Amino acid sequence: MALRVSRAVAWSYASIENQVIDRLNILQASMKAMVEAVSKLSDIPEMILVDGIHTPFVDSHSKALKKGDGISQSIGAASILAKVKRDHVMARYHEEYPQYGFARHKGYGTREHLEAIARYGPCPIHRRSFAGVKEHCK
C-alpha cells in the first residue's frame, strides 16, 4: 500500500522550537503542535484522532488512541508524513552541524549521537532538558 498525499482530504504539520519544548515539556509542546497543525487546515475536521492518551482539543470532536498508528490508517499515514518531514529537516541540520551525524540517526538518542554530544557539546538545536544532552550543558 502506498501513501498518496495527493489523495488526502487535507493535511498539515507544525513544529515547535527546541527552546519552547524545553520550557513547556515534550507533552505540552506536542499538544501545542497539534493545535497549530489543525488550525492550518482549510476545513474543520469532523473528528480529530490523536496517537496517544491525551488530546488537546476541547472544542472539536477528538479521540486519543493509545498505539493509534497501529489502529487507525489516518494516524498511521500522519505518522509517516511526520517522519518523512523530520528526516528532511534533520538532513538539513546535518549540513549545518555535520559532526553530530544527523543524516544517519536523525537526532534520536543513538550511541553515535550521544557520543557526539559528549565530544562537541550540544549545538543550538538540541533540547537542553533531554537526558543525554542536559548533562553536557554549561
Protein backbone atom coordinates (compact mmCIF):
# COMPACT_ATOMS: atom_id res chain seq x y z
CA MET A 1 0.00 0.00 0.00
CA ALA A 2 1.39 3.42 -0.92
CA LEU A 3 0.72 6.65 0.92
CA ARG A 4 -0.53 9.22 -1.54
CA VAL A 5 -0.68 12.73 -0.12
CA SER A 6 -2.46 13.91 -3.26
CA ARG A 7 -5.47 11.77 -2.29
CA ALA A 8 -5.64 13.09 1.27
CA VAL A 9 -8.64 15.23 2.12
CA ALA A 10 -6.39 17.66 3.99
CA TRP A 11 -3.13 17.58 5.86
CA SER A 12 -0.90 19.99 7.73
CA TYR A 13 2.03 19.94 10.09
CA ALA A 14 3.53 22.16 12.74
CA SER A 15 6.83 22.07 14.54
CA ILE A 16 7.81 23.51 17.88
CA GLU A 17 11.23 25.06 18.53
CA ASN A 18 13.57 23.25 20.92
CA GLN A 19 13.56 26.18 23.38
CA VAL A 20 9.78 26.00 23.61
CA ILE A 21 9.91 22.24 24.19
CA ASP A 22 12.44 22.80 26.98
CA ARG A 23 10.21 25.47 28.54
CA LEU A 24 6.87 23.63 28.27
CA ASN A 25 7.88 19.93 28.29
CA ILE A 26 7.51 17.47 25.43
CA LEU A 27 3.84 16.59 26.12
CA GLN A 28 2.66 20.20 26.23
CA ALA A 29 4.76 21.07 23.17
CA SER A 30 3.20 18.14 21.30
CA MET A 31 -0.27 19.36 22.27
CA LYS A 32 0.64 22.85 21.05
CA ALA A 33 1.90 21.46 17.72
CA MET A 34 -1.34 19.51 17.22
CA VAL A 35 -3.46 22.61 17.80
CA GLU A 36 -1.28 24.62 15.39
CA ALA A 37 -1.43 21.92 12.70
CA VAL A 38 -5.21 21.59 12.91
CA SER A 39 -5.63 25.38 12.83
CA LYS A 40 -3.82 25.44 9.45
CA LEU A 41 -6.38 23.13 7.82
CA SER A 42 -8.75 24.77 5.35
CA ASP A 43 -11.72 22.74 6.61
CA ILE A 44 -12.61 21.99 10.21
CA PRO A 45 -12.37 18.21 10.69
CA GLU A 46 -15.40 16.28 11.89
CA MET A 47 -13.14 14.15 14.10
CA ILE A 48 -9.56 14.53 15.29
CA LEU A 49 -7.73 11.32 16.11
CA VAL A 50 -4.61 11.56 18.25
CA ASP A 51 -1.96 8.88 18.64
CA GLY A 52 -1.54 8.65 22.40
CA ILE A 53 -3.56 9.03 25.57
CA HIS A 54 -4.03 12.82 25.55
CA THR A 55 -5.80 15.18 23.20
CA PRO A 56 -5.54 18.98 23.38
CA PHE A 57 -8.81 19.63 21.57
CA VAL A 58 -11.71 20.83 23.67
CA ASP A 59 -13.98 22.50 21.08
CA SER A 60 -13.74 19.74 18.48
CA HIS A 61 -14.65 16.13 18.44
CA SER A 62 -11.43 14.31 19.24
CA LYS A 63 -10.30 10.94 20.44
CA ALA A 64 -6.94 9.77 21.76
CA LEU A 65 -5.99 6.25 20.69
CA LYS A 66 -3.16 4.52 22.53
CA LYS A 67 -0.90 2.99 19.85
CA GLY A 68 -3.17 4.69 17.32
CA ASP A 69 -0.76 4.30 14.41
CA GLY A 70 -1.47 0.57 14.52
CA ILE A 71 -5.23 1.04 14.87
CA SER A 72 -6.07 3.89 12.51
CA GLN A 73 -4.94 4.29 8.91
CA SER A 74 -5.31 8.06 9.29
CA ILE A 75 -2.98 8.14 12.28
CA GLY A 76 -0.59 5.74 10.55
CA ALA A 77 -0.49 8.00 7.49
CA ALA A 78 0.07 11.08 9.66
CA SER A 79 2.91 9.27 11.42
CA ILE A 80 4.59 8.56 8.08
CA LEU A 81 4.20 12.19 6.94
CA ALA A 82 5.70 13.42 10.21
CA LYS A 83 8.64 11.00 9.99
CA VAL A 84 9.44 11.99 6.41
CA LYS A 85 9.25 15.70 7.32
CA ARG A 86 11.53 15.16 10.32
CA ASP A 87 14.03 13.20 8.21
CA HIS A 88 14.22 16.09 5.73
CA VAL A 89 14.69 18.65 8.50
CA MET A 90 17.42 16.56 10.12
CA ALA A 91 19.21 16.14 6.77
CA ARG A 92 19.34 19.96 6.52
CA TYR A 93 20.66 20.20 10.08
CA HIS A 94 23.35 17.69 9.13
CA GLU A 95 24.66 20.17 6.57
CA GLU A 96 24.96 22.82 9.29
CA TYR A 97 26.24 20.53 12.07
CA PRO A 98 27.90 17.54 10.33
CA GLN A 99 29.89 16.48 13.41
CA TYR A 100 26.67 15.17 15.01
CA GLY A 101 25.75 12.74 12.20
CA PHE A 102 22.12 13.87 11.95
CA ALA A 103 21.83 12.44 8.42
CA ARG A 104 22.32 8.95 9.86
CA HIS A 105 20.42 8.93 13.16
CA LYS A 106 18.02 11.87 12.65
CA GLY A 107 18.65 13.19 16.14
CA TYR A 108 17.49 10.14 18.06
CA GLY A 109 19.47 9.07 21.13
CA THR A 110 21.72 6.57 19.38
CA ARG A 111 25.15 5.76 20.76
CA GLU A 112 26.74 7.75 17.90
CA HIS A 113 24.63 10.81 18.68
CA LEU A 114 25.23 10.69 22.42
CA GLU A 115 28.97 10.30 21.84
CA ALA A 116 28.94 13.36 19.55
CA ILE A 117 27.14 15.41 22.20
CA ALA A 118 29.69 14.32 24.81
CA ARG A 119 32.55 15.21 22.47
CA TYR A 120 31.31 18.51 20.98
CA GLY A 121 28.68 19.60 23.49
CA PRO A 122 25.13 20.40 22.45
CA CYS A 123 24.53 22.51 19.34
CA PRO A 124 21.81 25.18 19.09
CA ILE A 125 19.10 22.73 18.00
CA HIS A 126 19.49 20.31 20.92
CA ARG A 127 16.80 20.22 23.59
CA ARG A 128 18.62 21.16 26.77
CA SER A 129 16.09 19.39 29.03
CA PHE A 130 16.59 15.94 27.49
CA ALA A 131 18.67 13.20 29.10
CA GLY A 132 21.92 12.77 27.24
CA VAL A 133 22.02 16.50 26.46
CA LYS A 134 21.41 18.29 29.76
CA GLU A 135 24.43 16.58 31.30
CA HIS A 136 26.66 18.37 28.77
CA CYS A 137 25.18 21.87 29.10
CA LYS A 138 27.22 24.57 30.74
